[in-house]
PDB file of all heavy atoms in Angstrom:
ATOM      1  N   ALA A   1      13.634 -21.115 -34.494  1.00  0.00           N
ATOM      2  CA  ALA A   1      12.986 -21.515 -33.278  1.00  0.00           C
ATOM      3  C   ALA A   1      13.806 -22.531 -32.508  1.00  0.00           C
ATOM      4  O   ALA A   1      14.416 -23.430 -33.096  1.00  0.00           O
ATOM      5  CB  ALA A   1      11.590 -22.078 -33.539  1.00  0.00           C
ATOM      6  N   ASP A   2      13.846 -22.347 -31.166  1.00  0.00           N
ATOM      7  CA  ASP A   2      14.610 -23.280 -30.354  1.00  0.00           C
ATOM      8  C   ASP A   2      13.903 -24.648 -30.373  1.00  0.00           C
ATOM      9  O   ASP A   2      12.754 -24.767 -29.981  1.00  0.00           O
ATOM     10  CB  ASP A   2      14.626 -22.724 -28.930  1.00  0.00           C
ATOM     11  CG  ASP A   2      15.368 -23.641 -27.993  1.00  0.00           C
ATOM     12  OD1 ASP A   2      16.051 -24.547 -28.396  1.00  0.00           O
ATOM     13  OD2 ASP A   2      15.337 -23.366 -26.755  1.00  0.00           O
ATOM     14  N   ALA A   3      14.657 -25.701 -30.835  1.00  0.00           N
ATOM     15  CA  ALA A   3      14.068 -26.975 -30.892  1.00  0.00           C
ATOM     16  C   ALA A   3      13.820 -27.585 -29.529  1.00  0.00           C
ATOM     17  O   ALA A   3      12.786 -28.282 -29.292  1.00  0.00           O
ATOM     18  CB  ALA A   3      14.951 -27.936 -31.657  1.00  0.00           C
ATOM     19  N   GLY A   4      14.707 -27.380 -28.611  1.00  0.00           N
ATOM     20  CA  GLY A   4      14.517 -27.815 -27.202  1.00  0.00           C
ATOM     21  C   GLY A   4      14.224 -29.316 -27.152  1.00  0.00           C
ATOM     22  O   GLY A   4      14.696 -30.085 -27.986  1.00  0.00           O
ATOM     23  N   TRP A   5      13.524 -29.735 -26.113  1.00  0.00           N
ATOM     24  CA  TRP A   5      13.250 -31.143 -25.922  1.00  0.00           C
ATOM     25  C   TRP A   5      11.701 -31.454 -26.179  1.00  0.00           C
ATOM     26  O   TRP A   5      11.216 -32.549 -25.862  1.00  0.00           O
ATOM     27  CB  TRP A   5      13.567 -31.532 -24.460  1.00  0.00           C
ATOM     28  CG  TRP A   5      15.015 -31.536 -24.246  1.00  0.00           C
ATOM     29  CD1 TRP A   5      15.812 -30.587 -23.766  1.00  0.00           C
ATOM     30  CD2 TRP A   5      15.938 -32.612 -24.536  1.00  0.00           C
ATOM     31  NE1 TRP A   5      17.107 -30.890 -23.707  1.00  0.00           N
ATOM     32  CE2 TRP A   5      17.246 -32.187 -24.156  1.00  0.00           C
ATOM     33  CE3 TRP A   5      15.833 -33.944 -25.067  1.00  0.00           C
ATOM     34  CZ2 TRP A   5      18.338 -32.944 -24.326  1.00  0.00           C
ATOM     35  CZ3 TRP A   5      16.965 -34.688 -25.240  1.00  0.00           C
ATOM     36  CH2 TRP A   5      18.208 -34.201 -24.802  1.00  0.00           C
ATOM     37  N   ARG A   6      11.032 -30.506 -26.883  1.00  0.00           N
ATOM     38  CA  ARG A   6       9.623 -30.729 -27.038  1.00  0.00           C
ATOM     39  C   ARG A   6       9.298 -32.008 -27.839  1.00  0.00           C
ATOM     40  O   ARG A   6       8.319 -32.665 -27.546  1.00  0.00           O
ATOM     41  CB  ARG A   6       9.011 -29.536 -27.773  1.00  0.00           C
ATOM     42  CG  ARG A   6       9.195 -28.211 -26.986  1.00  0.00           C
ATOM     43  CD  ARG A   6       8.369 -27.094 -27.532  1.00  0.00           C
ATOM     44  NE  ARG A   6       8.374 -26.925 -28.977  1.00  0.00           N
ATOM     45  CZ  ARG A   6       9.423 -26.345 -29.637  1.00  0.00           C
ATOM     46  NH1 ARG A   6      10.476 -25.831 -28.918  1.00  0.00           N
ATOM     47  NH2 ARG A   6       9.429 -26.223 -30.924  1.00  0.00           N
ATOM     48  N   GLY A   7      10.115 -32.286 -28.829  1.00  0.00           N
ATOM     49  CA  GLY A   7       9.819 -33.486 -29.636  1.00  0.00           C
ATOM     50  C   GLY A   7       9.974 -34.759 -28.849  1.00  0.00           C
ATOM     51  O   GLY A   7       9.258 -35.719 -29.081  1.00  0.00           O
ATOM     52  N   ILE A   8      10.898 -34.760 -27.817  1.00  0.00           N
ATOM     53  CA  ILE A   8      11.027 -35.945 -26.980  1.00  0.00           C
ATOM     54  C   ILE A   8       9.847 -35.998 -26.014  1.00  0.00           C
ATOM     55  O   ILE A   8       9.249 -37.091 -25.808  1.00  0.00           O
ATOM     56  CB  ILE A   8      12.333 -35.915 -26.214  1.00  0.00           C
ATOM     57  CG1 ILE A   8      13.522 -35.835 -27.218  1.00  0.00           C
ATOM     58  CG2 ILE A   8      12.490 -37.146 -25.281  1.00  0.00           C
ATOM     59  CD1 ILE A   8      13.611 -37.040 -28.134  1.00  0.00           C
ATOM     60  N   GLU A   9       9.485 -34.863 -25.442  1.00  0.00           N
ATOM     61  CA  GLU A   9       8.413 -34.789 -24.432  1.00  0.00           C
ATOM     62  C   GLU A   9       7.062 -35.192 -25.072  1.00  0.00           C
ATOM     63  O   GLU A   9       6.184 -35.660 -24.424  1.00  0.00           O
ATOM     64  CB  GLU A   9       8.349 -33.433 -23.846  1.00  0.00           C
ATOM     65  CG  GLU A   9       9.560 -33.064 -23.050  1.00  0.00           C
ATOM     66  CD  GLU A   9       9.704 -31.558 -22.805  1.00  0.00           C
ATOM     67  OE1 GLU A   9       8.903 -30.829 -23.447  1.00  0.00           O
ATOM     68  OE2 GLU A   9      10.557 -31.147 -21.962  1.00  0.00           O
ATOM     69  N   ALA A  10       6.919 -34.966 -26.421  1.00  0.00           N
ATOM     70  CA  ALA A  10       5.617 -35.236 -27.052  1.00  0.00           C
ATOM     71  C   ALA A  10       5.442 -36.712 -27.457  1.00  0.00           C
ATOM     72  O   ALA A  10       4.331 -37.086 -27.868  1.00  0.00           O
ATOM     73  CB  ALA A  10       5.503 -34.351 -28.258  1.00  0.00           C
ATOM     74  N   LEU A  11       6.505 -37.473 -27.483  1.00  0.00           N
ATOM     75  CA  LEU A  11       6.476 -38.859 -28.022  1.00  0.00           C
ATOM     76  C   LEU A  11       5.412 -39.682 -27.337  1.00  0.00           C
ATOM     77  O   LEU A  11       4.515 -40.203 -28.016  1.00  0.00           O
ATOM     78  CB  LEU A  11       7.855 -39.506 -27.926  1.00  0.00           C
ATOM     79  CG  LEU A  11       8.913 -39.074 -28.920  1.00  0.00           C
ATOM     80  CD1 LEU A  11      10.217 -39.815 -28.694  1.00  0.00           C
ATOM     81  CD2 LEU A  11       8.397 -39.202 -30.331  1.00  0.00           C
ATOM     82  N   LEU A  12       5.508 -39.896 -26.033  1.00  0.00           N
ATOM     83  CA  LEU A  12       4.484 -40.774 -25.414  1.00  0.00           C
ATOM     84  C   LEU A  12       3.050 -40.229 -25.519  1.00  0.00           C
ATOM     85  O   LEU A  12       2.191 -40.979 -25.854  1.00  0.00           O
ATOM     86  CB  LEU A  12       4.891 -41.016 -23.925  1.00  0.00           C
ATOM     87  CG  LEU A  12       6.016 -42.032 -23.738  1.00  0.00           C
ATOM     88  CD1 LEU A  12       6.356 -42.195 -22.258  1.00  0.00           C
ATOM     89  CD2 LEU A  12       5.602 -43.392 -24.332  1.00  0.00           C
ATOM     90  N   PRO A  13       2.856 -38.932 -25.274  1.00  0.00           N
ATOM     91  CA  PRO A  13       1.488 -38.448 -25.519  1.00  0.00           C
ATOM     92  C   PRO A  13       1.019 -38.687 -26.939  1.00  0.00           C
ATOM     93  O   PRO A  13      -0.202 -38.980 -27.168  1.00  0.00           O
ATOM     94  CB  PRO A  13       1.606 -36.916 -25.189  1.00  0.00           C
ATOM     95  CG  PRO A  13       2.770 -36.861 -24.282  1.00  0.00           C
ATOM     96  CD  PRO A  13       3.732 -37.841 -24.691  1.00  0.00           C
ATOM     97  N   GLN A  14       1.879 -38.561 -27.959  1.00  0.00           N
ATOM     98  CA  GLN A  14       1.494 -38.843 -29.307  1.00  0.00           C
ATOM     99  C   GLN A  14       1.130 -40.276 -29.515  1.00  0.00           C
ATOM    100  O   GLN A  14       0.094 -40.667 -30.142  1.00  0.00           O
ATOM    101  CB  GLN A  14       2.566 -38.401 -30.315  1.00  0.00           C
ATOM    102  CG  GLN A  14       2.253 -38.681 -31.731  1.00  0.00           C
ATOM    103  CD  GLN A  14       3.217 -38.060 -32.653  1.00  0.00           C
ATOM    104  OE1 GLN A  14       3.407 -36.820 -32.687  1.00  0.00           O
ATOM    105  NE2 GLN A  14       3.860 -38.872 -33.508  1.00  0.00           N
ATOM    106  N   TYR A  15       1.998 -41.159 -29.007  1.00  0.00           N
ATOM    107  CA  TYR A  15       1.760 -42.600 -29.109  1.00  0.00           C
ATOM    108  C   TYR A  15       0.551 -43.101 -28.378  1.00  0.00           C
ATOM    109  O   TYR A  15      -0.022 -44.134 -28.663  1.00  0.00           O
ATOM    110  CB  TYR A  15       3.001 -43.418 -28.706  1.00  0.00           C
ATOM    111  CG  TYR A  15       4.258 -43.107 -29.493  1.00  0.00           C
ATOM    112  CD1 TYR A  15       5.506 -43.408 -29.004  1.00  0.00           C
ATOM    113  CD2 TYR A  15       4.216 -42.554 -30.778  1.00  0.00           C
ATOM    114  CE1 TYR A  15       6.674 -43.251 -29.738  1.00  0.00           C
ATOM    115  CE2 TYR A  15       5.350 -42.334 -31.505  1.00  0.00           C
ATOM    116  CZ  TYR A  15       6.600 -42.675 -31.017  1.00  0.00           C
ATOM    117  OH  TYR A  15       7.731 -42.473 -31.703  1.00  0.00           O
ATOM    118  N   HIS A  16       0.162 -42.372 -27.350  1.00  0.00           N
ATOM    119  CA  HIS A  16      -0.986 -42.751 -26.499  1.00  0.00           C
ATOM    120  C   HIS A  16      -2.279 -42.171 -27.004  1.00  0.00           C
ATOM    121  O   HIS A  16      -3.364 -42.469 -26.500  1.00  0.00           O
ATOM    122  CB  HIS A  16      -0.775 -42.317 -25.053  1.00  0.00           C
ATOM    123  CG  HIS A  16       0.227 -43.181 -24.374  1.00  0.00           C
ATOM    124  ND1 HIS A  16       0.815 -42.746 -23.159  1.00  0.00           N
ATOM    125  CD2 HIS A  16       0.783 -44.339 -24.610  1.00  0.00           C
ATOM    126  CE1 HIS A  16       1.671 -43.663 -22.718  1.00  0.00           C
ATOM    127  NE2 HIS A  16       1.668 -44.648 -23.660  1.00  0.00           N
ATOM    128  N   ALA A  17      -2.224 -41.370 -28.076  1.00  0.00           N
ATOM    129  CA  ALA A  17      -3.418 -40.702 -28.595  1.00  0.00           C
ATOM    130  C   ALA A  17      -4.396 -41.783 -29.119  1.00  0.00           C
ATOM    131  O   ALA A  17      -3.949 -42.766 -29.750  1.00  0.00           O
ATOM    132  CB  ALA A  17      -3.098 -39.720 -29.737  1.00  0.00           C
ATOM    133  N   THR A  18      -5.661 -41.643 -28.857  1.00  0.00           N
ATOM    134  CA  THR A  18      -6.652 -42.619 -29.314  1.00  0.00           C
ATOM    135  C   THR A  18      -7.548 -42.035 -30.405  1.00  0.00           C
ATOM    136  O   THR A  18      -8.474 -42.747 -30.887  1.00  0.00           O
ATOM    137  CB  THR A  18      -7.465 -43.143 -28.180  1.00  0.00           C
ATOM    138  OG1 THR A  18      -8.214 -42.020 -27.538  1.00  0.00           O
ATOM    139  CG2 THR A  18      -6.648 -43.858 -27.136  1.00  0.00           C
ATOM    140  N   SER A  19      -7.346 -40.800 -30.761  1.00  0.00           N
ATOM    141  CA  SER A  19      -8.159 -40.141 -31.827  1.00  0.00           C
ATOM    142  C   SER A  19      -7.375 -38.993 -32.441  1.00  0.00           C
ATOM    143  O   SER A  19      -6.338 -38.569 -31.848  1.00  0.00           O
ATOM    144  CB  SER A  19      -9.477 -39.626 -31.275  1.00  0.00           C
ATOM    145  OG  SER A  19      -9.224 -38.486 -30.403  1.00  0.00           O
ATOM    146  N   VAL A  20      -7.830 -38.489 -33.530  1.00  0.00           N
ATOM    147  CA  VAL A  20      -7.119 -37.353 -34.158  1.00  0.00           C
ATOM    148  C   VAL A  20      -7.262 -36.096 -33.294  1.00  0.00           C
ATOM    149  O   VAL A  20      -6.459 -35.195 -33.311  1.00  0.00           O
ATOM    150  CB  VAL A  20      -7.627 -37.075 -35.564  1.00  0.00           C
ATOM    151  CG1 VAL A  20      -7.345 -38.232 -36.483  1.00  0.00           C
ATOM    152  CG2 VAL A  20      -9.118 -36.712 -35.605  1.00  0.00           C
ATOM    153  N   TYR A  21      -8.322 -36.118 -32.467  1.00  0.00           N
ATOM    154  CA  TYR A  21      -8.474 -34.991 -31.520  1.00  0.00           C
ATOM    155  C   TYR A  21      -7.393 -34.995 -30.450  1.00  0.00           C
ATOM    156  O   TYR A  21      -6.833 -33.964 -30.105  1.00  0.00           O
ATOM    157  CB  TYR A  21      -9.870 -35.057 -30.898  1.00  0.00           C
ATOM    158  CG  TYR A  21     -11.037 -34.840 -31.886  1.00  0.00           C
ATOM    159  CD1 TYR A  21     -11.594 -35.951 -32.469  1.00  0.00           C
ATOM    160  CD2 TYR A  21     -11.386 -33.581 -32.260  1.00  0.00           C
ATOM    161  CE1 TYR A  21     -12.672 -35.787 -33.372  1.00  0.00           C
ATOM    162  CE2 TYR A  21     -12.468 -33.441 -33.183  1.00  0.00           C
ATOM    163  CZ  TYR A  21     -13.077 -34.544 -33.782  1.00  0.00           C
ATOM    164  OH  TYR A  21     -14.019 -34.390 -34.674  1.00  0.00           O
ATOM    165  N   ASP A  22      -7.029 -36.162 -29.959  1.00  0.00           N
ATOM    166  CA  ASP A  22      -5.914 -36.293 -29.052  1.00  0.00           C
ATOM    167  C   ASP A  22      -4.665 -35.936 -29.766  1.00  0.00           C
ATOM    168  O   ASP A  22      -3.763 -35.187 -29.195  1.00  0.00           O
ATOM    169  CB  ASP A  22      -5.773 -37.716 -28.554  1.00  0.00           C
ATOM    170  CG  ASP A  22      -6.955 -38.185 -27.636  1.00  0.00           C
ATOM    171  OD1 ASP A  22      -7.707 -37.257 -27.136  1.00  0.00           O
ATOM    172  OD2 ASP A  22      -7.154 -39.380 -27.435  1.00  0.00           O
ATOM    173  N   TYR A  23      -4.437 -36.395 -31.021  1.00  0.00           N
ATOM    174  CA  TYR A  23      -3.303 -36.135 -31.744  1.00  0.00           C
ATOM    175  C   TYR A  23      -3.166 -34.646 -31.979  1.00  0.00           C
ATOM    176  O   TYR A  23      -2.034 -34.077 -31.812  1.00  0.00           O
ATOM    177  CB  TYR A  23      -3.325 -36.857 -33.071  1.00  0.00           C
ATOM    178  CG  TYR A  23      -2.074 -36.813 -33.876  1.00  0.00           C
ATOM    179  CD1 TYR A  23      -1.064 -37.705 -33.675  1.00  0.00           C
ATOM    180  CD2 TYR A  23      -1.945 -35.844 -34.859  1.00  0.00           C
ATOM    181  CE1 TYR A  23       0.142 -37.621 -34.451  1.00  0.00           C
ATOM    182  CE2 TYR A  23      -0.814 -35.786 -35.686  1.00  0.00           C
ATOM    183  CZ  TYR A  23       0.250 -36.662 -35.466  1.00  0.00           C
ATOM    184  OH  TYR A  23       1.373 -36.574 -36.152  1.00  0.00           O
ATOM    185  N   LYS A  24      -4.219 -33.962 -32.342  1.00  0.00           N
ATOM    186  CA  LYS A  24      -4.197 -32.509 -32.542  1.00  0.00           C
ATOM    187  C   LYS A  24      -3.792 -31.802 -31.250  1.00  0.00           C
ATOM    188  O   LYS A  24      -2.966 -30.847 -31.297  1.00  0.00           O
ATOM    189  CB  LYS A  24      -5.572 -32.035 -32.970  1.00  0.00           C
ATOM    190  CG  LYS A  24      -5.687 -30.537 -33.197  1.00  0.00           C
ATOM    191  CD  LYS A  24      -7.096 -30.092 -33.626  1.00  0.00           C
ATOM    192  CE  LYS A  24      -7.125 -28.590 -33.973  1.00  0.00           C
ATOM    193  NZ  LYS A  24      -6.687 -27.711 -32.896  1.00  0.00           N
ATOM    194  N   ALA A  25      -4.273 -32.256 -30.149  1.00  0.00           N
ATOM    195  CA  ALA A  25      -3.934 -31.626 -28.891  1.00  0.00           C
ATOM    196  C   ALA A  25      -2.435 -31.674 -28.580  1.00  0.00           C
ATOM    197  O   ALA A  25      -1.818 -30.778 -28.087  1.00  0.00           O
ATOM    198  CB  ALA A  25      -4.761 -32.228 -27.745  1.00  0.00           C
ATOM    199  N   VAL A  26      -1.814 -32.880 -28.998  1.00  0.00           N
ATOM    200  CA  VAL A  26      -0.340 -33.048 -28.745  1.00  0.00           C
ATOM    201  C   VAL A  26       0.407 -32.013 -29.658  1.00  0.00           C
ATOM    202  O   VAL A  26       1.339 -31.375 -29.268  1.00  0.00           O
ATOM    203  CB  VAL A  26       0.047 -34.469 -29.026  1.00  0.00           C
ATOM    204  CG1 VAL A  26       1.617 -34.619 -29.013  1.00  0.00           C
ATOM    205  CG2 VAL A  26      -0.590 -35.396 -28.017  1.00  0.00           C
ATOM    206  N   GLN A  27      -0.053 -31.969 -30.945  1.00  0.00           N
ATOM    207  CA  GLN A  27       0.654 -31.033 -31.867  1.00  0.00           C
ATOM    208  C   GLN A  27       0.494 -29.607 -31.437  1.00  0.00           C
ATOM    209  O   GLN A  27       1.453 -28.841 -31.530  1.00  0.00           O
ATOM    210  CB  GLN A  27       0.091 -31.257 -33.291  1.00  0.00           C
ATOM    211  CG  GLN A  27       0.156 -32.659 -33.829  1.00  0.00           C
ATOM    212  CD  GLN A  27       1.580 -33.238 -33.819  1.00  0.00           C
ATOM    213  OE1 GLN A  27       2.547 -32.560 -34.227  1.00  0.00           O
ATOM    214  NE2 GLN A  27       1.739 -34.447 -33.315  1.00  0.00           N
ATOM    215  N   ASP A  28      -0.683 -29.312 -30.952  1.00  0.00           N
ATOM    216  CA  ASP A  28      -0.932 -27.834 -30.596  1.00  0.00           C
ATOM    217  C   ASP A  28      -0.138 -27.548 -29.280  1.00  0.00           C
ATOM    218  O   ASP A  28       0.382 -26.382 -29.138  1.00  0.00           O
ATOM    219  CB  ASP A  28      -2.457 -27.672 -30.287  1.00  0.00           C
ATOM    220  CG  ASP A  28      -3.253 -27.620 -31.502  1.00  0.00           C
ATOM    221  OD1 ASP A  28      -2.720 -27.628 -32.604  1.00  0.00           O
ATOM    222  OD2 ASP A  28      -4.497 -27.601 -31.352  1.00  0.00           O
ATOM    223  N   THR A  29       0.057 -28.526 -28.412  1.00  0.00           N
ATOM    224  CA  THR A  29       0.804 -28.217 -27.131  1.00  0.00           C
ATOM    225  C   THR A  29       2.240 -28.123 -27.348  1.00  0.00           C
ATOM    226  O   THR A  29       2.889 -27.186 -26.800  1.00  0.00           O
ATOM    227  CB  THR A  29       0.447 -29.357 -26.122  1.00  0.00           C
ATOM    228  OG1 THR A  29      -0.962 -29.385 -25.887  1.00  0.00           O
ATOM    229  CG2 THR A  29       1.177 -29.167 -24.842  1.00  0.00           C
ATOM    230  N   TYR A  30       2.824 -28.998 -28.183  1.00  0.00           N
ATOM    231  CA  TYR A  30       4.306 -29.068 -28.240  1.00  0.00           C
ATOM    232  C   TYR A  30       4.874 -28.345 -29.546  1.00  0.00           C
ATOM    233  O   TYR A  30       6.015 -27.923 -29.536  1.00  0.00           O
ATOM    234  CB  TYR A  30       4.720 -30.502 -28.277  1.00  0.00           C
ATOM    235  CG  TYR A  30       4.502 -31.220 -26.886  1.00  0.00           C
ATOM    236  CD1 TYR A  30       3.364 -31.936 -26.693  1.00  0.00           C
ATOM    237  CD2 TYR A  30       5.384 -31.049 -25.871  1.00  0.00           C
ATOM    238  CE1 TYR A  30       3.104 -32.550 -25.466  1.00  0.00           C
ATOM    239  CE2 TYR A  30       5.141 -31.635 -24.661  1.00  0.00           C
ATOM    240  CZ  TYR A  30       3.975 -32.392 -24.446  1.00  0.00           C
ATOM    241  OH  TYR A  30       3.758 -33.004 -23.258  1.00  0.00           O
ATOM    242  N   GLN A  31       4.158 -28.231 -30.591  1.00  0.00           N
ATOM    243  CA  GLN A  31       4.596 -27.614 -31.834  1.00  0.00           C
ATOM    244  C   GLN A  31       6.016 -28.003 -32.144  1.00  0.00           C
ATOM    245  O   GLN A  31       6.863 -27.132 -32.319  1.00  0.00           O
ATOM    246  CB  GLN A  31       4.447 -26.114 -31.676  1.00  0.00           C
ATOM    247  CG  GLN A  31       3.060 -25.626 -31.670  1.00  0.00           C
ATOM    248  CD  GLN A  31       2.879 -24.133 -31.798  1.00  0.00           C
ATOM    249  OE1 GLN A  31       2.853 -23.400 -30.743  1.00  0.00           O
ATOM    250  NE2 GLN A  31       2.861 -23.605 -32.991  1.00  0.00           N
ATOM    251  N   PHE A  32       6.286 -29.243 -32.235  1.00  0.00           N
ATOM    252  CA  PHE A  32       7.666 -29.719 -32.361  1.00  0.00           C
ATOM    253  C   PHE A  32       7.965 -30.229 -33.855  1.00  0.00           C
ATOM    254  O   PHE A  32       9.087 -30.320 -34.221  1.00  0.00           O
ATOM    255  CB  PHE A  32       7.956 -30.877 -31.454  1.00  0.00           C
ATOM    256  CG  PHE A  32       7.182 -32.077 -31.722  1.00  0.00           C
ATOM    257  CD1 PHE A  32       7.714 -33.232 -32.364  1.00  0.00           C
ATOM    258  CD2 PHE A  32       5.884 -32.255 -31.235  1.00  0.00           C
ATOM    259  CE1 PHE A  32       7.007 -34.363 -32.625  1.00  0.00           C
ATOM    260  CE2 PHE A  32       5.132 -33.406 -31.471  1.00  0.00           C
ATOM    261  CZ  PHE A  32       5.707 -34.517 -32.167  1.00  0.00           C
TER     262      PHE A  32
END
């Protein structure tokens, strides 16, 4: 799979998550 920049793009959304539901949404969106 192409790694791309998804891991970089997901950093701030992951760090700003306030619940595991937010965290899950980041993982689902970027799959990095």
